[in-house]
Amino acid sequence: MVSSLSRWLKKAPQPTSIRYTTDEDEERVLAVTGTANNRWRAAADDLESLKARRVECLDKEGSVLRVTLLGTDPEMGDAAERQSKAAAKENASLSLVLDAQGRRISEAYMAGAEAASRGQDNLVQVVNILTTQWSATMQSLHNVSMNLAKLARQAGQDEGQDEDTMGPAIQQMLGIAAMKMMGNMGGGGEAAAANGKTKKEK
């Protein structure tokens, strides 16, 4: 590990001092001394003997250049840190995408619910109109039937017909009136009337 730590300390930009934390959570600063050939190995040996747990490389202004935890490969620590930052960035992007998609789904659901509500209201309105028209038609048919029956009864009495003879005639007239009210005002009604007259003549 000391060899790996010395290589990590030697990497550019090279530190002018090293701050470390011991197992007792004491924070100290180690000056970089020695010749160019052995200063980094000596610093790694000192950190090992001092039982450093966390190591920070500092520049001459005291700014942190890089950080590692001892007990692991420092270069692996750098890679893990980069990977952690990349994962955090990717998660943030994914969160934005999911949030936007959630808003689109919510807007589509609300628009569909509103359209379905309008269609339901229109359908109920159409049914109400048709029901009203049908009720009015049936009431008119009933009124016409009552008037026809009254007129037929009066006509039979004026001509001296008995009730047995008037019954089929009234029924025939009501049938013709019903067909006319239902829109069958063509040959069907006239044919029925002609058949009635033929049977009566026979």
Protein backbone atom coordinates (compact mmCIF):
# COMPACT_ATOMS: atom_id res chain seq x y z
CA MET A 1 0.00 0.00 0.00
CA VAL A 2 2.90 2.36 0.76
CA SER A 3 4.17 2.04 -2.80
CA SER A 4 0.67 2.79 -4.15
CA LEU A 5 0.32 5.74 -1.76
CA SER A 6 3.68 7.16 -2.79
CA ARG A 7 2.68 7.05 -6.45
CA TRP A 8 -0.61 8.75 -5.57
CA LEU A 9 1.21 11.52 -3.65
CA LYS A 10 3.64 12.01 -6.52
CA LYS A 11 0.93 12.57 -9.16
CA ALA A 12 0.64 16.01 -10.72
CA PRO A 13 -0.21 18.47 -9.45
CA GLN A 14 2.19 17.61 -6.67
CA PRO A 15 1.28 18.82 -3.18
CA THR A 16 3.42 21.11 -1.03
CA SER A 17 1.91 19.70 2.18
CA ILE A 18 -0.29 16.81 3.27
CA ARG A 19 -3.18 16.97 5.71
CA TYR A 20 -4.22 13.71 7.33
CA THR A 21 -6.68 12.40 9.90
CA THR A 22 -5.70 9.74 12.45
CA ASP A 23 -7.78 6.89 13.86
CA GLU A 24 -8.59 9.18 16.81
CA ASP A 25 -10.05 11.75 14.35
CA GLU A 26 -7.18 14.14 14.96
CA GLU A 27 -6.37 16.32 11.97
CA ARG A 28 -2.71 17.12 11.35
CA VAL A 29 -0.48 18.50 8.60
CA LEU A 30 2.61 16.76 7.28
CA ALA A 31 5.22 18.82 5.48
CA VAL A 32 6.73 17.37 2.32
CA THR A 33 10.51 17.14 2.83
CA GLY A 34 13.43 15.17 1.52
CA THR A 35 15.05 14.88 -1.86
CA ALA A 36 13.13 14.60 -5.10
CA ASN A 37 13.95 10.90 -5.31
CA ASN A 38 12.67 9.78 -1.92
CA ARG A 39 10.31 12.50 -0.61
CA TRP A 40 7.11 10.72 -1.66
CA ARG A 41 8.18 7.34 -0.32
CA ALA A 42 9.21 9.03 2.94
CA ALA A 43 5.88 10.81 3.15
CA ALA A 44 4.04 7.53 2.54
CA ASP A 45 6.10 5.83 5.25
CA ASP A 46 5.34 8.65 7.69
CA LEU A 47 1.62 8.48 7.00
CA GLU A 48 1.69 4.71 7.51
CA SER A 49 3.53 4.99 10.82
CA LEU A 50 1.26 7.78 12.01
CA LYS A 51 -1.78 5.56 11.28
CA ALA A 52 -3.32 8.07 8.97
CA ARG A 53 -6.83 7.17 7.87
CA ARG A 54 -7.68 10.05 5.53
CA VAL A 55 -5.12 11.89 3.41
CA GLU A 56 -5.52 15.22 1.60
CA CYS A 57 -2.97 16.69 -0.79
CA LEU A 58 -2.70 20.49 -0.43
CA ASP A 59 -1.13 23.11 -2.67
CA LYS A 60 0.90 26.03 -1.39
CA GLU A 61 -2.29 28.07 -0.80
CA GLY A 62 -3.86 25.29 1.29
CA SER A 63 -6.41 24.23 -1.33
CA VAL A 64 -7.24 20.53 -1.56
CA LEU A 65 -5.88 18.88 -4.70
CA ARG A 66 -7.18 15.34 -4.05
CA VAL A 67 -8.34 13.10 -1.21
CA THR A 68 -8.04 9.39 -0.43
CA LEU A 69 -8.78 6.96 2.38
CA LEU A 70 -6.01 4.61 3.47
CA GLY A 71 -6.75 0.93 3.58
CA THR A 72 -7.85 1.06 -0.07
CA ASP A 73 -6.01 1.61 -3.29
CA PRO A 74 -5.80 5.42 -3.70
CA GLU A 75 -6.09 5.16 -7.48
CA MET A 76 -9.13 2.97 -7.03
CA GLY A 77 -10.49 5.60 -4.68
CA ASP A 78 -10.13 8.25 -7.37
CA ALA A 79 -11.91 6.00 -9.88
CA ALA A 80 -14.69 5.31 -7.39
CA GLU A 81 -15.13 9.01 -6.78
CA ARG A 82 -15.36 9.72 -10.50
CA GLN A 83 -17.83 6.88 -10.90
CA SER A 84 -19.92 8.21 -8.00
CA LYS A 85 -20.04 11.69 -9.56
CA ALA A 86 -21.02 10.23 -12.95
CA ALA A 87 -23.77 8.14 -11.34
CA ALA A 88 -25.10 11.19 -9.47
CA LYS A 89 -25.18 13.18 -12.70
CA GLU A 90 -26.96 10.37 -14.53
CA ASN A 91 -29.51 10.00 -11.74
CA ALA A 92 -30.20 13.74 -11.85
CA SER A 93 -30.81 13.57 -15.62
CA LEU A 94 -33.05 10.52 -15.23
CA SER A 95 -35.02 12.30 -12.51
CA LEU A 96 -35.69 15.22 -14.86
CA VAL A 97 -36.85 12.87 -17.63
CA LEU A 98 -39.18 10.96 -15.30
CA ASP A 99 -40.59 14.18 -13.91
CA ALA A 100 -41.33 15.51 -17.40
CA GLN A 101 -42.89 12.19 -18.44
CA GLY A 102 -45.06 12.17 -15.31
CA ARG A 103 -46.36 15.65 -16.13
CA ARG A 104 -47.18 14.59 -19.72
CA ILE A 105 -49.07 11.51 -18.51
CA SER A 106 -51.01 13.60 -15.99
CA GLU A 107 -51.94 16.18 -18.66
CA ALA A 108 -53.05 13.44 -21.08
CA TYR A 109 -55.18 11.79 -18.39
CA MET A 110 -56.88 15.08 -17.49
CA ALA A 111 -57.56 15.86 -21.17
CA GLY A 112 -59.04 12.39 -21.75
CA ALA A 113 -61.24 12.63 -18.66
CA GLU A 114 -62.51 16.04 -19.76
CA ALA A 115 -63.31 14.76 -23.29
CA ALA A 116 -65.11 11.70 -21.89
CA SER A 117 -67.15 13.94 -19.59
CA ARG A 118 -68.20 16.15 -22.51
CA GLY A 119 -69.20 13.08 -24.57
CA GLN A 120 -71.27 11.72 -21.67
CA ASP A 121 -73.05 15.04 -21.24
CA ASN A 122 -73.85 15.20 -24.97
CA LEU A 123 -75.20 11.65 -24.96
CA VAL A 124 -77.48 12.35 -22.00
CA GLN A 125 -78.73 15.49 -23.72
CA VAL A 126 -79.57 13.59 -26.93
CA VAL A 127 -81.41 10.89 -24.98
CA ASN A 128 -83.45 13.53 -23.13
CA ILE A 129 -84.41 15.24 -26.40
CA LEU A 130 -85.48 11.94 -28.02
CA THR A 131 -87.46 10.95 -24.94
CA THR A 132 -89.28 14.29 -24.94
CA GLN A 133 -90.10 14.01 -28.65
CA TRP A 134 -91.32 10.43 -28.27
CA SER A 135 -93.57 11.37 -25.34
CA ALA A 136 -95.05 14.26 -27.33
CA THR A 137 -95.68 11.97 -30.34
CA MET A 138 -97.41 9.33 -28.24
CA GLN A 139 -99.57 11.98 -26.54
CA SER A 140 -100.58 13.38 -29.93
CA LEU A 141 -101.41 9.88 -31.18
CA HIS A 142 -103.56 9.27 -28.13
CA ASN A 143 -105.41 12.56 -28.60
CA VAL A 144 -106.04 11.85 -32.30
CA SER A 145 -107.26 8.34 -31.48
CA MET A 146 -109.70 9.66 -28.91
CA ASN A 147 -111.01 12.29 -31.31
CA LEU A 148 -111.40 9.76 -34.13
CA ALA A 149 -113.24 7.36 -31.87
CA LYS A 150 -115.56 10.14 -30.79
CA LEU A 151 -116.23 11.21 -34.38
CA ALA A 152 -116.78 7.61 -35.53
CA ARG A 153 -119.19 7.00 -32.69
CA GLN A 154 -121.14 10.11 -33.57
CA ALA A 155 -121.16 9.20 -37.27
CA GLY A 156 -122.45 5.70 -36.50
CA GLN A 157 -125.19 7.04 -34.33
CA ASP A 158 -126.24 9.51 -37.03
CA GLU A 159 -126.43 6.71 -39.60
CA GLY A 160 -128.32 4.42 -37.24
CA GLN A 161 -125.55 1.77 -36.99
CA ASP A 162 -125.43 -0.46 -33.95
CA GLU A 163 -122.36 -0.87 -31.73
CA ASP A 164 -121.42 -4.27 -33.25
CA THR A 165 -121.12 -2.68 -36.68
CA MET A 166 -119.27 0.40 -35.35
CA GLY A 167 -116.59 -1.57 -33.52
CA PRO A 168 -114.59 -2.79 -36.58
CA ALA A 169 -114.96 0.57 -38.29
CA ILE A 170 -113.54 2.43 -35.29
CA GLN A 171 -110.65 -0.01 -35.01
CA GLN A 172 -109.90 0.40 -38.71
CA MET A 173 -109.88 4.18 -38.44
CA LEU A 174 -107.61 4.07 -35.39
CA GLY A 175 -105.19 1.80 -37.22
CA ILE A 176 -105.01 4.17 -40.20
CA ALA A 177 -104.47 7.13 -37.89
CA ALA A 178 -101.72 5.32 -36.01
CA MET A 179 -99.89 4.47 -39.25
CA LYS A 180 -100.11 8.06 -40.42
CA MET A 181 -98.76 9.33 -37.12
CA MET A 182 -95.81 6.92 -37.38
CA GLY A 183 -94.92 8.20 -40.85
CA ASN A 184 -96.60 5.44 -42.89
CA MET A 185 -98.77 7.77 -44.92
CA GLY A 186 -98.22 5.93 -48.23
CA GLY A 187 -100.05 3.13 -49.88
CA GLY A 188 -100.21 0.96 -46.78
CA GLY A 189 -102.95 3.03 -45.12
CA GLU A 190 -104.94 3.41 -48.33
CA ALA A 191 -104.69 -0.32 -49.04
CA ALA A 192 -106.00 -1.11 -45.58
CA ALA A 193 -108.92 1.27 -46.09
CA ALA A 194 -109.68 -0.29 -49.49
CA ASN A 195 -109.61 -3.78 -48.00
CA GLY A 196 -112.02 -2.66 -45.30
CA LYS A 197 -114.45 -1.30 -47.86
CA THR A 198 -114.22 -4.47 -49.99
CA LYS A 199 -114.97 -6.71 -47.02
CA LYS A 200 -117.86 -4.48 -46.01
CA GLU A 201 -119.36 -4.62 -49.50
CA LYS A 202 -119.13 -8.41 -49.57
